[in-house]
Protein backbone atom coordinates (compact mmCIF):
# COMPACT_ATOMS: atom_id res chain seq x y z
CA MET A 1 -10.09 -3.36 -9.42
CA PRO A 2 -8.60 -4.28 -12.79
CA LYS A 3 -5.98 -7.08 -12.85
CA ILE A 4 -3.25 -4.64 -13.91
CA SER A 5 -3.72 -2.69 -10.60
CA TRP A 6 -3.04 -5.87 -8.63
CA VAL A 7 0.27 -6.28 -10.47
CA GLU A 8 1.26 -2.65 -9.65
CA ILE A 9 0.26 -3.29 -5.98
CA VAL A 10 2.40 -6.42 -5.68
CA VAL A 11 5.43 -4.82 -7.29
CA THR A 12 5.04 -1.65 -5.04
CA THR A 13 4.71 -3.91 -1.96
CA VAL A 14 7.88 -5.77 -2.75
CA TYR A 15 9.71 -2.58 -3.42
CA LEU A 16 8.56 -1.06 -0.16
CA LEU A 17 9.54 -4.19 1.75
CA ASN A 18 13.00 -3.97 0.31
CA CYS A 19 13.21 -0.39 1.49
CA CYS A 20 12.26 -1.26 5.15
CA MET A 21 14.76 -1.94 7.85
CA THR A 22 15.11 -5.49 9.12
CA GLU A 23 16.71 -6.88 12.29
CA GLY A 24 18.20 -9.73 10.37
CA ILE A 25 20.83 -7.58 8.72
CA HIS A 26 21.48 -5.24 11.65
CA MET A 27 18.92 -2.47 11.01
CA VAL A 28 19.92 -1.79 7.37
CA THR A 29 17.55 -1.98 4.45
CA PRO A 30 17.99 -4.78 1.94
CA HIS A 31 18.35 -2.18 -0.81
CA GLU A 32 21.09 -0.40 1.14
CA LYS A 33 22.84 -3.70 1.92
CA TYR A 34 22.78 -4.74 -1.76
CA PHE A 35 23.49 -1.42 -3.55
CA GLY A 36 25.55 0.30 -0.78
CA VAL A 37 23.50 3.54 -0.87
CA LYS A 38 20.60 4.85 1.26
CA VAL A 39 17.10 4.68 -0.30
CA ASP A 40 15.51 7.95 -1.40
CA LEU A 41 11.73 7.61 -0.85
CA SER A 42 10.85 11.15 -1.89
CA HIS A 43 9.29 9.98 -5.13
CA LEU A 44 6.60 7.87 -3.55
CA THR A 45 2.99 8.91 -3.82
CA VAL A 46 -0.28 7.59 -2.34
CA PHE A 47 -2.55 5.58 -4.62
CA SER A 48 -6.00 4.43 -3.56
CA ASN A 49 -9.44 3.56 -4.64
CA ILE A 50 -12.82 4.87 -3.66
CA THR A 51 -14.38 2.47 -1.18
CA PHE A 52 -17.92 2.11 0.08
CA LEU A 53 -19.02 0.88 3.56
CA HIS A 54 -21.86 -1.56 3.58
CA VAL A 55 -24.59 -0.50 6.03
CA LEU A 56 -27.29 -2.96 7.00
CA ASP A 57 -30.78 -2.11 5.80
CA GLU A 58 -31.97 -1.88 9.40
CA LYS A 59 -29.62 0.94 9.97
CA HIS A 60 -30.64 3.00 6.95
CA LYS A 61 -33.09 5.76 7.28
CA LYS A 62 -35.69 6.39 4.58
CA GLN A 63 -33.84 9.18 2.84
CA ASP A 64 -30.24 7.92 3.24
CA PRO A 65 -28.27 7.13 0.05
CA LYS A 66 -27.86 3.45 -0.53
CA SER A 67 -24.43 3.39 -2.30
């Protein structure tokens, strides 16, 4: 993955952690505690990358794809 993707992943992770409830502040999100309004998460989307599973050579059959 490009380095810029890692920056976006870290920023998104911190944002999501701030939107999650915690017991330390009596089941209120940090965002709600700081700003005084509930968080609207309807704008979130899923981002992902294509991944490949490594299969040992012993488990490959002759005509199976390698990648």
